[in-house]
C-alpha atoms as a PDB file:
ATOM      1  CA  UNK A   1      57.199 -94.406 310.866  1.00  0.00           C
ATOM      2  CA  UNK A   2      58.639 -95.893 314.120  1.00  0.00           C
ATOM      3  CA  UNK A   3      55.885 -93.644 315.756  1.00  0.00           C
ATOM      4  CA  UNK A   4      53.245 -95.449 314.070  1.00  0.00           C
ATOM      5  CA  UNK A   5      55.090 -98.848 314.621  1.00  0.00           C
ATOM      6  CA  UNK A   6      55.139 -97.942 318.466  1.00  0.00           C
ATOM      7  CA  UNK A   7      51.310 -97.123 318.337  1.00  0.00           C
ATOM      8  CA  UNK A   8      50.369-100.443 316.585  1.00  0.00           C
ATOM      9  CA  UNK A   9      52.436-102.385 319.502  1.00  0.00           C
ATOM     10  CA  UNK A  10      50.929-100.520 321.953  1.00  0.00           C
ATOM     11  CA  UNK A  11      47.451-101.819 320.681  1.00  0.00           C
ATOM     12  CA  UNK A  12      48.652-105.122 320.896  1.00  0.00           C
ATOM     13  CA  UNK A  13      49.498-105.105 324.624  1.00  0.00           C
ATOM     14  CA  UNK A  14      45.820-105.530 324.893  1.00  0.00           C
ATOM     15  CA  UNK A  15      44.824-108.322 322.938  1.00  0.00           C
ATOM     16  CA  UNK A  16      45.130-111.892 324.154  1.00  0.00           C
ATOM     17  CA  UNK A  17      47.875-113.716 322.476  1.00  0.00           C
ATOM     18  CA  UNK A  18      45.359-116.746 321.467  1.00  0.00           C
ATOM     19  CA  UNK A  19      43.843-113.929 318.646  1.00  0.00           C
ATOM     20  CA  UNK A  20      46.596-113.300 317.404  1.00  0.00           C
ATOM     21  CA  UNK A  21      47.405-114.662 313.710  1.00  0.00           C
ATOM     22  CA  UNK A  22      50.920-114.410 312.513  1.00  0.00           C
ATOM     23  CA  UNK A  23      51.414-114.581 308.946  1.00  0.00           C
ATOM     24  CA  UNK A  24      54.559-115.537 307.278  1.00  0.00           C
ATOM     25  CA  UNK A  25      56.364-116.007 304.472  1.00  0.00           C
ATOM     26  CA  UNK A  26      59.056-118.000 302.949  1.00  0.00           C
ATOM     27  CA  UNK A  27      60.105-118.821 299.275  1.00  0.00           C
ATOM     28  CA  UNK A  28      62.033-121.320 297.335  1.00  0.00           C
ATOM     29  CA  UNK A  29      63.968-121.747 293.834  1.00  0.00           C
ATOM     30  CA  UNK A  30      64.072-124.391 291.962  1.00  0.00           C
ATOM     31  CA  UNK A  31      67.458-122.793 290.383  1.00  0.00           C
ATOM     32  CA  UNK A  32      69.768-123.312 293.597  1.00  0.00           C
ATOM     33  CA  UNK A  33      72.452-126.117 292.761  1.00  0.00           C
ATOM     34  CA  UNK A  34      74.939-126.585 294.760  1.00  0.00           C
ATOM     35  CA  UNK A  35      78.562-125.735 293.130  1.00  0.00           C
ATOM     36  CA  UNK A  36      80.277-128.322 295.279  1.00  0.00           C
ATOM     37  CA  UNK A  37      80.157-131.784 296.865  1.00  0.00           C
ATOM     38  CA  UNK A  38      81.435-134.757 298.298  1.00  0.00           C
ATOM     39  CA  UNK A  39      83.114-138.224 296.635  1.00  0.00           C
ATOM     40  CA  UNK A  40      85.666-140.848 297.802  1.00  0.00           C
ATOM     41  CA  UNK A  41      89.555-139.972 298.370  1.00  0.00           C
ATOM     42  CA  UNK A  42      90.906-139.650 295.116  1.00  0.00           C
ATOM     43  CA  UNK A  43      87.431-140.201 292.231  1.00  0.00           C
ATOM     44  CA  UNK A  44      85.659-136.839 291.093  1.00  0.00           C
ATOM     45  CA  UNK A  45      82.516-136.143 291.634  1.00  0.00           C
ATOM     46  CA  UNK A  46      80.171-136.321 288.540  1.00  0.00           C
ATOM     47  CA  UNK A  47      76.820-134.997 288.369  1.00  0.00           C
ATOM     48  CA  UNK A  48      73.962-133.201 287.134  1.00  0.00           C
ATOM     49  CA  UNK A  49      71.599-130.205 287.642  1.00  0.00           C
ATOM     50  CA  UNK A  50      68.923-128.841 286.163  1.00  0.00           C
ATOM     51  CA  UNK A  51      69.622-125.561 283.593  1.00  0.00           C
ATOM     52  CA  UNK A  52      67.021-122.870 282.251  1.00  0.00           C
ATOM     53  CA  UNK A  53      64.254-124.182 284.554  1.00  0.00           C
ATOM     54  CA  UNK A  54      64.221-121.578 287.866  1.00  0.00           C
ATOM     55  CA  UNK A  55      61.272-120.770 288.834  1.00  0.00           C
ATOM     56  CA  UNK A  56      60.202-119.634 292.238  1.00  0.00           C
ATOM     57  CA  UNK A  57      57.235-120.630 294.538  1.00  0.00           C
ATOM     58  CA  UNK A  58      55.717-118.758 297.446  1.00  0.00           C
ATOM     59  CA  UNK A  59      54.975-119.950 300.866  1.00  0.00           C
ATOM     60  CA  UNK A  60      52.315-117.986 303.169  1.00  0.00           C
ATOM     61  CA  UNK A  61      51.180-119.357 306.027  1.00  0.00           C
ATOM     62  CA  UNK A  62      49.140-118.185 308.743  1.00  0.00           C
ATOM     63  CA  UNK A  63      50.720-119.781 312.307  1.00  0.00           C
ATOM     64  CA  UNK A  64      47.652-119.173 315.645  1.00  0.00           C
ATOM     65  CA  UNK A  65      49.224-119.837 319.545  1.00  0.00           C
ATOM     66  CA  UNK A  66      47.097-123.517 318.965  1.00  0.00           C
ATOM     67  CA  UNK A  67      49.607-124.055 315.618  1.00  0.00           C
ATOM     68  CA  UNK A  68      49.447-123.517 312.066  1.00  0.00           C
ATOM     69  CA  UNK A  69      45.559-122.528 310.679  1.00  0.00           C
ATOM     70  CA  UNK A  70      46.207-121.774 306.820  1.00  0.00           C
ATOM     71  CA  UNK A  71      48.748-122.170 304.372  1.00  0.00           C
ATOM     72  CA  UNK A  72      49.265-120.434 300.653  1.00  0.00           C
ATOM     73  CA  UNK A  73      51.390-121.400 297.932  1.00  0.00           C
ATOM     74  CA  UNK A  74      51.759-118.599 295.156  1.00  0.00           C
ATOM     75  CA  UNK A  75      53.734-119.125 291.956  1.00  0.00           C
ATOM     76  CA  UNK A  76      56.149-116.914 291.825  1.00  0.00           C
ATOM     77  CA  UNK A  77      57.767-114.327 294.552  1.00  0.00           C
ATOM     78  CA  UNK A  78      55.338-111.418 296.097  1.00  0.00           C
ATOM     79  CA  UNK A  79      55.267-108.870 296.885  1.00  0.00           C
ATOM     80  CA  UNK A  80      52.518-105.942 299.283  1.00  0.00           C
ATOM     81  CA  UNK A  81      49.768-106.648 295.647  1.00  0.00           C
ATOM     82  CA  UNK A  82      49.545-110.428 296.693  1.00  0.00           C
ATOM     83  CA  UNK A  83      48.799-110.223 300.547  1.00  0.00           C
ATOM     84  CA  UNK A  84      45.121-108.051 300.574  1.00  0.00           C
ATOM     85  CA  UNK A  85      43.525-111.389 298.693  1.00  0.00           C
ATOM     86  CA  UNK A  86      45.558-113.416 301.191  1.00  0.00           C
ATOM     87  CA  UNK A  87      43.741-111.857 303.926  1.00  0.00           C
ATOM     88  CA  UNK A  88      40.192-112.340 302.134  1.00  0.00           C
ATOM     89  CA  UNK A  89      41.100-115.894 301.924  1.00  0.00           C
ATOM     90  CA  UNK A  90      41.503-116.263 305.513  1.00  0.00           C
ATOM     91  CA  UNK A  91      37.944-116.255 307.698  1.00  0.00           C
ATOM     92  CA  UNK A  92      36.675-113.191 308.006  1.00  0.00           C
ATOM     93  CA  UNK A  93      36.120-112.967 312.592  1.00  0.00           C
ATOM     94  CA  UNK A  94      36.264-109.603 314.285  1.00  0.00           C
ATOM     95  CA  UNK A  95      37.400-111.612 317.311  1.00  0.00           C
ATOM     96  CA  UNK A  96      40.900-112.533 315.607  1.00  0.00           C
ATOM     97  CA  UNK A  97      44.062-110.078 314.616  1.00  0.00           C
ATOM     98  CA  UNK A  98      46.211-110.158 311.963  1.00  0.00           C
ATOM     99  CA  UNK A  99      50.169-109.678 312.902  1.00  0.00           C
ATOM    100  CA  UNK A 100      52.763-109.288 309.649  1.00  0.00           C
ATOM    101  CA  UNK A 101      55.967-110.884 310.855  1.00  0.00           C
ATOM    102  CA  UNK A 102      58.641-110.782 308.193  1.00  0.00           C
ATOM    103  CA  UNK A 103      56.634-107.254 306.422  1.00  0.00           C
ATOM    104  CA  UNK A 104      56.906-104.974 309.453  1.00  0.00           C
ATOM    105  CA  UNK A 105      60.818-103.945 309.293  1.00  0.00           C
END
């Protein structure tokens, strides 16, 4: 695997940075509620939090040297089968190269 990754990096050495597109993902969960809070000295903090409505959304964004170029929000967590349809959704330009930033480890 290390040899394949090093070969991939070697191929990128000849590609100008303006032709690269970086894909990255970020997940958001709606059930992440703070367990602690602040209130005035000597007073108790009263607060409410939603229960049983946990939901996950994933934001996948493409970023070029000029800035963001496309963003997709997926319901639920993502895994490897999610990415091929997303790549097909982006403009198919043979002059562009895609670089997976979060998935290259």
